[in-house]
């Protein structure tokens, strides 16, 4: 029998209403039993009914961050996807870098000379919640297999969209996938334009 080949990870790009940075300290307080700040940020969305003042949160940090940041619909239903079609599938499981299109772009797209935040914003989206990037621990991996990679604020979404659209980048000559960088940017723009129109940020997750 041939050896088992593990399928590449799938990645999703969710619309968020709140910045993860604004949630880190309130979530840390919630872990000790003080939930007022976190519940104040979440507002009318009853997404954390398990919390009881004075009792430490039973929800891990990463899951709390994910639930609190999402752009829930007014009805309380799950957020409307930024894209439900071809771009979701293509960017979700990219044919390189274990399915991670953002890592592929960081590795194979070149910033042209001059002031550009292209790679900075790609790093924030692809790894801003991993390890020590937040200055905190426990916000990347949670129970049930949840794995948060990074995010973009609303302003970041607009800036990255403009960086890509103005073409201030080129492609390394040794790129392994013919047209891979252009393809990844094209599908990423679908998400960025959708988030820009809705004035929302983006949270990147991995599903292994």
N, C-alpha and C. Protein backbone atom coordinates (compact mmCIF):
# COMPACT_ATOMS: atom_id res chain seq x y z
N UNK A 1 0.84 -1.20 0.00
CA UNK A 1 0.00 0.00 0.00
C UNK A 1 0.88 1.25 0.00
N UNK A 2 0.41 2.30 -0.69
CA UNK A 2 1.16 3.53 -0.71
C UNK A 2 1.02 4.28 0.60
N UNK A 3 1.94 5.15 0.86
CA UNK A 3 1.89 5.92 2.10
C UNK A 3 0.77 6.96 2.02
N UNK A 4 0.21 7.28 3.17
CA UNK A 4 -0.89 8.25 3.24
C UNK A 4 -0.35 9.65 3.00
N UNK A 5 -1.02 10.38 2.13
CA UNK A 5 -0.64 11.76 1.86
C UNK A 5 -1.70 12.67 2.48
N UNK A 6 -1.29 13.42 3.48
CA UNK A 6 -2.23 14.29 4.18
C UNK A 6 -2.65 15.45 3.28
N UNK A 7 -3.95 15.70 3.16
CA UNK A 7 -4.38 16.83 2.34
C UNK A 7 -3.91 18.14 2.95
N UNK A 8 -3.72 19.14 2.12
CA UNK A 8 -3.28 20.44 2.62
C UNK A 8 -4.38 21.07 3.48
N UNK A 9 -4.00 21.99 4.34
CA UNK A 9 -4.95 22.66 5.21
C UNK A 9 -5.87 23.57 4.40
N UNK A 10 -7.06 23.82 4.97
CA UNK A 10 -7.98 24.76 4.34
C UNK A 10 -7.98 26.04 5.16
N UNK A 11 -8.04 27.18 4.49
CA UNK A 11 -7.98 28.47 5.16
C UNK A 11 -9.23 29.28 4.86
N UNK A 12 -9.74 29.96 5.87
CA UNK A 12 -10.91 30.80 5.68
C UNK A 12 -10.60 32.23 6.08
N UNK A 13 -11.36 33.16 5.51
CA UNK A 13 -11.17 34.59 5.72
C UNK A 13 -12.52 35.16 6.15
N UNK A 14 -12.66 35.39 7.46
CA UNK A 14 -13.95 35.78 8.03
C UNK A 14 -14.03 37.29 8.23
N UNK A 15 -15.22 37.88 8.04
CA UNK A 15 -15.40 39.30 8.33
C UNK A 15 -15.45 39.53 9.83
N UNK A 16 -14.76 40.54 10.31
CA UNK A 16 -14.77 40.85 11.74
C UNK A 16 -15.22 42.29 11.98
N UNK A 17 -15.93 42.47 13.09
CA UNK A 17 -16.45 43.78 13.48
C UNK A 17 -15.53 44.47 14.47
N UNK A 18 -14.84 43.66 15.30
CA UNK A 18 -13.95 44.20 16.32
C UNK A 18 -12.51 43.80 16.05
N UNK A 19 -11.59 44.67 16.39
CA UNK A 19 -10.17 44.37 16.23
C UNK A 19 -9.70 43.42 17.32
N UNK A 20 -8.96 42.37 16.96
CA UNK A 20 -8.38 41.49 17.99
C UNK A 20 -7.56 42.26 19.02
N UNK A 21 -6.87 43.31 18.60
CA UNK A 21 -6.07 44.09 19.56
C UNK A 21 -6.93 44.69 20.66
N UNK A 22 -8.14 45.10 20.30
CA UNK A 22 -9.03 45.71 21.30
C UNK A 22 -9.63 44.68 22.25
N UNK A 23 -9.50 43.40 21.90
CA UNK A 23 -10.13 42.33 22.68
C UNK A 23 -9.17 41.61 23.61
N UNK A 24 -7.88 41.73 23.38
CA UNK A 24 -6.91 40.92 24.12
C UNK A 24 -6.98 41.17 25.63
N UNK A 25 -6.91 42.42 26.05
CA UNK A 25 -6.95 42.70 27.49
C UNK A 25 -8.30 42.35 28.11
N UNK A 26 -9.43 42.72 27.48
CA UNK A 26 -10.72 42.31 28.05
C UNK A 26 -10.86 40.79 28.16
N UNK A 27 -10.31 40.05 27.21
CA UNK A 27 -10.38 38.58 27.31
C UNK A 27 -9.51 38.08 28.45
N UNK A 28 -8.33 38.67 28.62
CA UNK A 28 -7.47 38.29 29.75
C UNK A 28 -8.18 38.55 31.08
N UNK A 29 -8.90 39.67 31.18
CA UNK A 29 -9.66 39.96 32.39
C UNK A 29 -10.78 38.94 32.58
N UNK A 30 -11.40 38.56 31.47
CA UNK A 30 -12.49 37.58 31.53
C UNK A 30 -12.01 36.23 32.06
N UNK A 31 -10.76 35.90 31.76
CA UNK A 31 -10.23 34.62 32.23
C UNK A 31 -10.10 34.59 33.76
N UNK A 32 -10.09 35.77 34.39
CA UNK A 32 -10.00 35.84 35.85
C UNK A 32 -11.37 36.08 36.50
N UNK A 33 -12.42 36.18 35.68
CA UNK A 33 -13.76 36.35 36.23
C UNK A 33 -14.35 37.73 36.07
N UNK A 34 -13.61 38.67 35.48
CA UNK A 34 -14.12 40.03 35.26
C UNK A 34 -14.52 40.17 33.79
N UNK A 35 -15.83 40.13 33.53
CA UNK A 35 -16.32 40.06 32.15
C UNK A 35 -16.91 41.37 31.63
N UNK A 36 -16.96 42.41 32.46
CA UNK A 36 -17.68 43.62 32.10
C UNK A 36 -17.15 44.26 30.81
N UNK A 37 -15.84 44.40 30.69
CA UNK A 37 -15.29 45.05 29.50
C UNK A 37 -15.55 44.23 28.24
N UNK A 38 -15.38 42.93 28.33
CA UNK A 38 -15.58 42.08 27.15
C UNK A 38 -17.05 42.11 26.72
N UNK A 39 -17.96 41.96 27.67
CA UNK A 39 -19.38 41.96 27.32
C UNK A 39 -19.81 43.33 26.80
N UNK A 40 -19.17 44.39 27.29
CA UNK A 40 -19.47 45.72 26.79
C UNK A 40 -19.08 45.89 25.34
N UNK A 41 -17.97 45.27 24.94
CA UNK A 41 -17.54 45.34 23.55
C UNK A 41 -18.42 44.50 22.64
N UNK A 42 -18.79 43.32 23.11
CA UNK A 42 -19.63 42.43 22.30
C UNK A 42 -21.02 43.03 22.10
N UNK A 43 -21.48 43.82 23.08
CA UNK A 43 -22.73 44.54 22.94
C UNK A 43 -23.95 43.64 22.94
N UNK A 44 -24.86 43.95 22.02
CA UNK A 44 -26.16 43.26 22.01
C UNK A 44 -26.08 41.82 21.52
N UNK A 45 -24.93 41.44 20.96
CA UNK A 45 -24.81 40.08 20.44
C UNK A 45 -24.57 39.11 21.61
N UNK A 46 -25.52 38.26 21.87
CA UNK A 46 -25.45 37.35 23.02
C UNK A 46 -24.65 36.11 22.62
N UNK A 47 -23.34 36.31 22.40
CA UNK A 47 -22.50 35.22 21.90
C UNK A 47 -21.66 34.57 23.00
N UNK A 48 -21.72 35.12 24.20
CA UNK A 48 -20.95 34.56 25.31
C UNK A 48 -21.85 34.32 26.53
N UNK A 49 -22.91 33.54 26.37
CA UNK A 49 -23.86 33.33 27.48
C UNK A 49 -23.27 32.55 28.65
N UNK A 50 -22.12 31.89 28.42
CA UNK A 50 -21.52 31.07 29.49
C UNK A 50 -20.87 31.91 30.58
N UNK A 51 -20.65 33.20 30.32
CA UNK A 51 -19.90 34.03 31.27
C UNK A 51 -20.76 34.47 32.45
N UNK A 52 -20.24 34.26 33.66
CA UNK A 52 -20.88 34.71 34.88
C UNK A 52 -19.88 35.54 35.67
N UNK A 53 -20.27 36.76 36.00
CA UNK A 53 -19.37 37.66 36.70
C UNK A 53 -18.84 37.02 37.99
N UNK A 54 -17.53 37.11 38.16
CA UNK A 54 -16.89 36.52 39.33
C UNK A 54 -16.38 35.11 39.11
N UNK A 55 -16.82 34.50 38.01
CA UNK A 55 -16.38 33.14 37.68
C UNK A 55 -15.46 33.19 36.46
N UNK A 56 -14.28 32.57 36.53
CA UNK A 56 -13.37 32.57 35.37
C UNK A 56 -14.05 32.02 34.13
N UNK A 57 -13.75 32.60 33.00
CA UNK A 57 -14.35 32.16 31.74
C UNK A 57 -14.02 30.70 31.46
N UNK A 58 -15.02 29.90 31.08
CA UNK A 58 -14.76 28.51 30.71
C UNK A 58 -14.30 28.38 29.25
N UNK A 59 -14.23 29.51 28.56
CA UNK A 59 -13.88 29.52 27.13
C UNK A 59 -12.42 29.93 26.98
N UNK A 60 -11.66 29.20 26.19
CA UNK A 60 -10.25 29.55 26.01
C UNK A 60 -10.11 30.87 25.26
N UNK A 61 -8.92 31.45 25.34
CA UNK A 61 -8.67 32.78 24.77
C UNK A 61 -8.93 32.85 23.27
N UNK A 62 -8.43 31.87 22.53
CA UNK A 62 -8.58 31.90 21.07
C UNK A 62 -10.05 31.83 20.66
N UNK A 63 -10.81 30.96 21.31
CA UNK A 63 -12.23 30.84 20.98
C UNK A 63 -12.98 32.10 21.36
N UNK A 64 -12.66 32.69 22.52
CA UNK A 64 -13.28 33.95 22.94
C UNK A 64 -13.00 35.05 21.92
N UNK A 65 -11.76 35.10 21.45
CA UNK A 65 -11.38 36.12 20.47
C UNK A 65 -12.17 35.94 19.17
N UNK A 66 -12.24 34.71 18.72
CA UNK A 66 -12.94 34.41 17.48
C UNK A 66 -14.41 34.79 17.57
N UNK A 67 -15.07 34.35 18.63
CA UNK A 67 -16.50 34.61 18.81
C UNK A 67 -16.77 36.11 18.94
N UNK A 68 -15.93 36.80 19.69
CA UNK A 68 -16.16 38.21 19.98
C UNK A 68 -15.89 39.12 18.78
N UNK A 69 -14.92 38.76 17.97
CA UNK A 69 -14.52 39.63 16.86
C UNK A 69 -15.43 39.54 15.65
N UNK A 70 -16.08 38.40 15.45
CA UNK A 70 -16.85 38.16 14.23
C UNK A 70 -17.95 39.19 13.98
N UNK A 71 -18.25 39.38 12.72
CA UNK A 71 -19.29 40.32 12.30
C UNK A 71 -20.63 39.60 12.23
N UNK A 72 -21.20 39.34 13.41
CA UNK A 72 -22.49 38.64 13.48
C UNK A 72 -23.58 39.48 12.84
N UNK A 73 -24.54 38.82 12.22
CA UNK A 73 -25.68 39.52 11.65
C UNK A 73 -26.58 40.03 12.77
N UNK A 74 -27.38 41.06 12.48
CA UNK A 74 -28.26 41.64 13.49
C UNK A 74 -29.22 40.61 14.06
N UNK A 75 -29.56 39.61 13.26
CA UNK A 75 -30.47 38.55 13.71
C UNK A 75 -29.78 37.57 14.65
N UNK A 76 -28.45 37.69 14.78
CA UNK A 76 -27.69 36.75 15.59
C UNK A 76 -27.16 35.58 14.80
N UNK A 77 -27.49 35.53 13.52
CA UNK A 77 -27.00 34.45 12.67
C UNK A 77 -25.53 34.64 12.34
N UNK A 78 -24.92 33.57 11.83
CA UNK A 78 -23.49 33.61 11.48
C UNK A 78 -23.21 34.71 10.47
N UNK A 79 -21.99 35.26 10.48
CA UNK A 79 -21.65 36.33 9.54
C UNK A 79 -21.84 35.91 8.09
N UNK A 80 -22.22 36.87 7.25
CA UNK A 80 -22.29 36.61 5.82
C UNK A 80 -20.87 36.48 5.27
N UNK A 81 -20.63 35.44 4.51
CA UNK A 81 -19.28 35.20 3.97
C UNK A 81 -18.86 36.33 3.05
N UNK A 82 -17.57 36.64 3.06
CA UNK A 82 -17.04 37.65 2.16
C UNK A 82 -17.05 37.15 0.72
N UNK A 83 -16.95 35.86 0.54
CA UNK A 83 -17.09 35.25 -0.79
C UNK A 83 -17.51 33.80 -0.61
N UNK A 84 -18.51 33.38 -1.34
CA UNK A 84 -18.97 32.01 -1.22
C UNK A 84 -18.73 31.19 -2.45
N UNK A 85 -17.93 31.72 -3.37
CA UNK A 85 -17.74 31.06 -4.64
C UNK A 85 -16.34 30.55 -4.89
N UNK A 86 -15.87 30.76 -6.11
CA UNK A 86 -14.61 30.19 -6.56
C UNK A 86 -13.42 30.71 -5.76
N UNK A 87 -13.43 32.00 -5.40
CA UNK A 87 -12.29 32.57 -4.67
C UNK A 87 -12.14 31.95 -3.30
N UNK A 88 -13.27 31.62 -2.66
CA UNK A 88 -13.20 30.96 -1.34
C UNK A 88 -12.47 29.64 -1.45
N UNK A 89 -12.78 28.86 -2.48
CA UNK A 89 -12.14 27.56 -2.64
C UNK A 89 -10.69 27.71 -3.08
N UNK A 90 -10.44 28.62 -4.00
CA UNK A 90 -9.09 28.77 -4.54
C UNK A 90 -8.12 29.32 -3.50
N UNK A 91 -8.55 30.35 -2.76
CA UNK A 91 -7.68 30.92 -1.74
C UNK A 91 -7.66 30.05 -0.49
N UNK A 92 -8.73 29.30 -0.28
CA UNK A 92 -8.82 28.46 0.91
C UNK A 92 -7.83 27.31 0.93
N UNK A 93 -7.64 26.70 -0.23
CA UNK A 93 -6.66 25.61 -0.31
C UNK A 93 -5.80 25.85 -1.55
N UNK A 94 -4.82 26.71 -1.39
CA UNK A 94 -3.95 27.11 -2.50
C UNK A 94 -2.98 25.97 -2.82
N UNK A 95 -2.63 25.76 -4.08
CA UNK A 95 -1.74 24.64 -4.45
C UNK A 95 -0.27 24.91 -4.17
N UNK A 96 0.03 25.22 -2.91
CA UNK A 96 1.41 25.47 -2.50
C UNK A 96 1.44 25.93 -1.07
N UNK A 97 2.58 25.74 -0.38
CA UNK A 97 2.75 26.20 1.01
C UNK A 97 1.66 25.65 1.93
N UNK A 98 1.40 24.34 1.86
CA UNK A 98 0.37 23.68 2.66
C UNK A 98 -0.98 24.38 2.53
N UNK A 99 -1.29 24.82 1.34
CA UNK A 99 -2.59 25.43 1.09
C UNK A 99 -2.69 26.88 1.49
N UNK A 100 -1.59 27.49 1.96
CA UNK A 100 -1.63 28.85 2.49
C UNK A 100 -1.19 29.86 1.42
N UNK A 101 -2.16 30.53 0.82
CA UNK A 101 -1.87 31.49 -0.24
C UNK A 101 -1.10 32.70 0.27
N UNK A 102 -1.35 33.10 1.52
CA UNK A 102 -0.68 34.28 2.06
C UNK A 102 0.81 34.00 2.25
N UNK A 103 1.15 32.82 2.77
CA UNK A 103 2.56 32.44 2.87
C UNK A 103 3.21 32.39 1.49
N UNK A 104 2.48 31.90 0.52
CA UNK A 104 3.01 31.82 -0.84
C UNK A 104 3.32 33.23 -1.36
N UNK A 105 2.43 34.17 -1.12
CA UNK A 105 2.65 35.54 -1.57
C UNK A 105 3.85 36.18 -0.87
N UNK A 106 3.97 35.96 0.42
CA UNK A 106 5.10 36.52 1.16
C UNK A 106 6.42 35.97 0.61
N UNK A 107 6.41 34.70 0.24
CA UNK A 107 7.63 34.05 -0.23
C UNK A 107 7.98 34.41 -1.67
N UNK A 108 6.99 34.65 -2.51
CA UNK A 108 7.27 34.77 -3.94
C UNK A 108 6.92 36.12 -4.57
N UNK A 109 6.26 37.00 -3.83
CA UNK A 109 5.99 38.35 -4.35
C UNK A 109 7.08 39.30 -3.85
N UNK A 110 7.54 40.17 -4.71
CA UNK A 110 8.60 41.12 -4.38
C UNK A 110 8.01 42.53 -4.31
N UNK A 111 8.33 43.24 -3.24
CA UNK A 111 7.93 44.64 -3.14
C UNK A 111 8.87 45.48 -3.99
N UNK A 112 8.30 46.37 -4.77
CA UNK A 112 9.14 47.25 -5.57
C UNK A 112 9.67 48.38 -4.70
N UNK A 113 10.70 49.06 -5.20
CA UNK A 113 11.35 50.11 -4.42
C UNK A 113 10.36 51.23 -4.11
N UNK A 114 10.58 51.87 -2.97
CA UNK A 114 9.68 52.92 -2.54
C UNK A 114 8.90 52.48 -1.32
N UNK A 115 8.13 53.40 -0.77
CA UNK A 115 7.37 53.10 0.45
C UNK A 115 6.23 52.15 0.12
N UNK A 116 6.24 51.00 0.74
CA UNK A 116 5.17 50.02 0.55
C UNK A 116 4.98 49.20 1.82
N UNK A 117 3.75 48.88 2.11
CA UNK A 117 3.42 48.07 3.29
C UNK A 117 2.92 46.70 2.89
N UNK A 118 3.17 46.29 1.66
CA UNK A 118 2.62 45.05 1.15
C UNK A 118 2.96 43.86 2.04
N UNK A 119 4.24 43.63 2.27
CA UNK A 119 4.64 42.45 3.06
C UNK A 119 4.25 42.59 4.52
N UNK A 120 4.30 43.81 5.05
CA UNK A 120 3.88 44.03 6.44
C UNK A 120 2.43 43.62 6.65
N UNK A 121 1.57 44.02 5.72
CA UNK A 121 0.15 43.70 5.83
C UNK A 121 -0.11 42.22 5.59
N UNK A 122 0.63 41.62 4.66
CA UNK A 122 0.47 40.18 4.42
C UNK A 122 0.90 39.38 5.65
N UNK A 123 1.99 39.81 6.30
CA UNK A 123 2.43 39.14 7.53
C UNK A 123 1.38 39.27 8.63
N UNK A 124 0.78 40.44 8.76
CA UNK A 124 -0.24 40.65 9.79
C UNK A 124 -1.44 39.73 9.56
N UNK A 125 -1.83 39.59 8.30
CA UNK A 125 -2.96 38.72 7.96
C UNK A 125 -2.62 37.25 8.16
N UNK A 126 -1.40 36.87 7.79
CA UNK A 126 -1.03 35.46 7.81
C UNK A 126 -0.47 34.93 9.11
N UNK A 127 0.03 35.83 9.98
CA UNK A 127 0.67 35.33 11.21
C UNK A 127 0.60 36.29 12.39
N UNK A 128 -0.28 37.29 12.32
CA UNK A 128 -0.35 38.30 13.38
C UNK A 128 -0.81 37.79 14.73
N UNK A 129 -1.41 36.60 14.77
CA UNK A 129 -1.88 36.04 16.04
C UNK A 129 -1.09 34.81 16.46
N UNK A 130 0.00 34.55 15.76
CA UNK A 130 0.80 33.37 16.04
C UNK A 130 1.96 33.72 16.97
N UNK A 131 2.20 32.89 17.97
CA UNK A 131 3.37 33.04 18.84
C UNK A 131 3.38 34.35 19.59
N UNK A 132 4.49 35.06 19.47
CA UNK A 132 4.69 36.28 20.25
C UNK A 132 4.29 37.54 19.50
N UNK A 133 3.70 37.41 18.33
CA UNK A 133 3.36 38.60 17.54
C UNK A 133 2.41 39.53 18.28
N UNK A 134 1.52 38.99 19.12
CA UNK A 134 0.58 39.82 19.87
C UNK A 134 1.16 40.29 21.19
N UNK A 135 2.30 39.73 21.59
CA UNK A 135 2.84 40.02 22.91
C UNK A 135 2.13 39.22 23.99
N UNK A 136 1.21 38.35 23.59
CA UNK A 136 0.43 37.53 24.50
C UNK A 136 0.46 36.09 24.00
N UNK A 137 0.11 35.16 24.86
CA UNK A 137 0.05 33.76 24.44
C UNK A 137 -1.37 33.24 24.57
N UNK A 138 -1.68 32.20 23.81
CA UNK A 138 -2.97 31.54 23.92
C UNK A 138 -4.05 32.06 22.99
N UNK A 139 -3.73 33.03 22.14
CA UNK A 139 -4.75 33.60 21.26
C UNK A 139 -4.74 33.00 19.86
N UNK A 140 -3.84 32.08 19.59
CA UNK A 140 -3.77 31.49 18.27
C UNK A 140 -4.50 30.17 18.15
N UNK A 141 -4.33 29.30 19.15
CA UNK A 141 -4.90 27.95 19.07
C UNK A 141 -5.87 27.73 20.23
N UNK A 142 -7.06 27.23 19.90
CA UNK A 142 -8.07 26.99 20.91
C UNK A 142 -8.61 25.58 20.86
N UNK A 143 -9.62 25.32 21.66
CA UNK A 143 -10.22 23.99 21.71
C UNK A 143 -10.99 23.71 20.43
N UNK A 144 -11.22 22.44 20.17
CA UNK A 144 -12.00 22.07 19.00
C UNK A 144 -11.27 22.28 17.70
N UNK A 145 -9.94 22.46 17.77
CA UNK A 145 -9.16 22.60 16.56
C UNK A 145 -9.12 24.00 15.97
N UNK A 146 -9.65 24.99 16.66
CA UNK A 146 -9.63 26.35 16.13
C UNK A 146 -8.20 26.87 16.08
N UNK A 147 -7.82 27.46 14.96
CA UNK A 147 -6.47 27.98 14.79
C UNK A 147 -6.54 29.33 14.06
N UNK A 148 -6.32 30.39 14.81
CA UNK A 148 -6.35 31.74 14.27
C UNK A 148 -4.94 32.13 13.84
N UNK A 149 -4.80 32.66 12.64
CA UNK A 149 -3.48 33.01 12.12
C UNK A 149 -3.19 34.50 12.22
N UNK A 150 -4.09 35.33 11.75
CA UNK A 150 -3.84 36.77 11.77
C UNK A 150 -5.07 37.53 11.32
N UNK A 151 -4.93 38.83 11.20
CA UNK A 151 -6.10 39.65 10.86
C UNK A 151 -5.66 40.95 10.20
N UNK A 152 -6.64 41.66 9.66
CA UNK A 152 -6.47 43.01 9.14
C UNK A 152 -7.57 43.89 9.71
N UNK A 153 -7.19 45.10 10.15
CA UNK A 153 -8.19 46.10 10.52
C UNK A 153 -8.89 46.59 9.24
N UNK A 154 -9.96 47.36 9.40
CA UNK A 154 -10.64 47.93 8.23
C UNK A 154 -9.66 48.78 7.43
N UNK A 155 -8.87 49.60 8.11
CA UNK A 155 -7.90 50.45 7.40
C UNK A 155 -6.84 49.62 6.70
N UNK A 156 -6.44 48.50 7.31
CA UNK A 156 -5.46 47.60 6.69
C UNK A 156 -6.03 46.99 5.41
N UNK A 157 -7.30 46.61 5.47
CA UNK A 157 -7.97 46.02 4.31
C UNK A 157 -7.90 46.98 3.13
N UNK A 158 -8.21 48.24 3.39
CA UNK A 158 -8.19 49.25 2.33
C UNK A 158 -6.77 49.45 1.81
N UNK A 159 -5.80 49.53 2.73
CA UNK A 159 -4.41 49.75 2.33
C UNK A 159 -3.87 48.59 1.51
N UNK A 160 -4.15 47.36 1.93
CA UNK A 160 -3.65 46.21 1.18
C UNK A 160 -4.31 46.12 -0.19
N UNK A 161 -5.59 46.40 -0.24
CA UNK A 161 -6.28 46.40 -1.54
C UNK A 161 -5.62 47.39 -2.50
N UNK A 162 -5.31 48.58 -2.01
CA UNK A 162 -4.68 49.60 -2.85
C UNK A 162 -3.28 49.19 -3.27
N UNK A 163 -2.53 48.57 -2.34
CA UNK A 163 -1.17 48.13 -2.66
C UNK A 163 -1.18 47.11 -3.81
N UNK A 164 -2.12 46.19 -3.74
CA UNK A 164 -2.20 45.16 -4.78
C UNK A 164 -2.67 45.76 -6.09
N UNK A 165 -3.69 46.61 -6.03
CA UNK A 165 -4.28 47.17 -7.25
C UNK A 165 -3.32 48.09 -8.00
N UNK A 166 -2.48 48.80 -7.28
CA UNK A 166 -1.57 49.71 -7.97
C UNK A 166 -0.37 49.00 -8.59
N UNK A 167 -0.23 47.71 -8.31
CA UNK A 167 0.81 46.92 -8.96
C UNK A 167 2.22 47.21 -8.50
N UNK A 168 2.37 47.63 -7.25
CA UNK A 168 3.71 47.92 -6.73
C UNK A 168 4.44 46.67 -6.29
N UNK A 169 4.38 45.64 -7.09
CA UNK A 169 5.01 44.37 -6.75
C UNK A 169 5.39 43.64 -8.03
N UNK A 170 6.30 42.70 -7.88
CA UNK A 170 6.69 41.84 -9.00
C UNK A 170 6.81 40.41 -8.46
N UNK A 171 7.22 39.50 -9.32
CA UNK A 171 7.26 38.08 -8.97
C UNK A 171 8.67 37.54 -9.09
N UNK A 172 9.10 36.75 -8.10
CA UNK A 172 10.42 36.14 -8.16
C UNK A 172 10.51 35.21 -9.37
N UNK A 173 11.68 35.20 -9.98
CA UNK A 173 11.86 34.41 -11.20
C UNK A 173 11.72 32.91 -10.95
N UNK A 174 12.01 32.48 -9.72
CA UNK A 174 11.95 31.05 -9.42
C UNK A 174 10.59 30.63 -8.85
N UNK A 175 9.56 31.42 -9.06
CA UNK A 175 8.23 31.04 -8.58
C UNK A 175 7.86 29.65 -9.08
N UNK A 176 7.46 28.73 -8.18
CA UNK A 176 7.20 27.34 -8.58
C UNK A 176 5.90 27.14 -9.36
N UNK A 177 4.90 27.99 -9.11
CA UNK A 177 3.61 27.86 -9.80
C UNK A 177 3.49 28.97 -10.84
N UNK A 178 3.37 28.60 -12.08
CA UNK A 178 3.26 29.60 -13.14
C UNK A 178 2.00 30.44 -12.94
N UNK A 179 2.18 31.73 -12.71
CA UNK A 179 1.05 32.61 -12.47
C UNK A 179 0.46 32.52 -11.08
N UNK A 180 1.16 31.84 -10.16
CA UNK A 180 0.62 31.63 -8.82
C UNK A 180 0.42 32.92 -8.03
N UNK A 181 1.39 33.82 -8.07
CA UNK A 181 1.27 35.08 -7.34
C UNK A 181 0.10 35.90 -7.87
N UNK A 182 0.01 36.02 -9.18
CA UNK A 182 -1.09 36.78 -9.77
C UNK A 182 -2.44 36.16 -9.42
N UNK A 183 -2.50 34.84 -9.44
CA UNK A 183 -3.75 34.14 -9.12
C UNK A 183 -4.14 34.38 -7.66
N UNK A 184 -3.17 34.28 -6.75
CA UNK A 184 -3.45 34.49 -5.33
C UNK A 184 -3.90 35.92 -5.06
N UNK A 185 -3.22 36.89 -5.66
CA UNK A 185 -3.61 38.29 -5.48
C UNK A 185 -5.02 38.54 -6.04
N UNK A 186 -5.32 37.94 -7.17
CA UNK A 186 -6.63 38.14 -7.79
C UNK A 186 -7.75 37.65 -6.87
N UNK A 187 -7.57 36.49 -6.27
CA UNK A 187 -8.60 35.96 -5.38
C UNK A 187 -8.62 36.69 -4.04
N UNK A 188 -7.46 37.10 -3.55
CA UNK A 188 -7.41 37.87 -2.31
C UNK A 188 -8.15 39.20 -2.48
N UNK A 189 -8.04 39.80 -3.66
CA UNK A 189 -8.74 41.06 -3.92
C UNK A 189 -10.25 40.92 -3.80
N UNK A 190 -10.78 39.76 -4.13
CA UNK A 190 -12.22 39.53 -3.99
C UNK A 190 -12.63 39.72 -2.53
N UNK A 191 -11.85 39.16 -1.61
CA UNK A 191 -12.14 39.29 -0.18
C UNK A 191 -11.92 40.73 0.30
N UNK A 192 -10.85 41.34 -0.15
CA UNK A 192 -10.53 42.70 0.29
C UNK A 192 -11.58 43.70 -0.18
N UNK A 193 -12.04 43.56 -1.41
CA UNK A 193 -13.06 44.47 -1.92
C UNK A 193 -14.40 44.28 -1.21
N UNK A 194 -14.73 43.03 -0.92
CA UNK A 194 -15.97 42.75 -0.20
C UNK A 194 -15.91 43.32 1.22
N UNK A 195 -14.79 43.12 1.90
CA UNK A 195 -14.63 43.65 3.26
C UNK A 195 -14.62 45.18 3.25
N UNK A 196 -13.97 45.79 2.25
CA UNK A 196 -13.93 47.25 2.13
C UNK A 196 -15.33 47.81 1.97
N UNK A 197 -16.12 47.18 1.12
CA UNK A 197 -17.48 47.64 0.87
C UNK A 197 -18.33 47.57 2.13
N UNK A 198 -18.10 46.56 2.94
CA UNK A 198 -18.87 46.38 4.18
C UNK A 198 -18.23 47.07 5.38
N UNK A 199 -17.06 47.66 5.16
CA UNK A 199 -16.30 48.34 6.22
C UNK A 199 -16.03 47.39 7.39
N UNK A 200 -15.46 46.25 7.05
CA UNK A 200 -15.13 45.23 8.03
C UNK A 200 -13.68 44.80 7.89
N UNK A 201 -13.12 44.27 8.98
CA UNK A 201 -11.79 43.69 8.93
C UNK A 201 -11.88 42.24 8.49
N UNK A 202 -10.73 41.57 8.47
CA UNK A 202 -10.67 40.17 8.05
C UNK A 202 -9.85 39.37 9.05
N UNK A 203 -10.35 38.20 9.41
CA UNK A 203 -9.64 37.26 10.29
C UNK A 203 -9.32 36.01 9.49
N UNK A 204 -8.06 35.58 9.52
CA UNK A 204 -7.65 34.38 8.78
C UNK A 204 -7.53 33.20 9.73
N UNK A 205 -8.15 32.07 9.34
CA UNK A 205 -8.10 30.84 10.14
C UNK A 205 -7.57 29.69 9.31
N UNK A 206 -7.03 28.68 10.01
CA UNK A 206 -6.59 27.46 9.35
C UNK A 206 -7.39 26.28 9.90
N UNK A 207 -7.78 25.39 8.99
CA UNK A 207 -8.49 24.16 9.35
C UNK A 207 -7.63 22.99 8.87
N UNK A 208 -7.02 22.28 9.79
CA UNK A 208 -6.12 21.20 9.41
C UNK A 208 -6.87 19.88 9.25
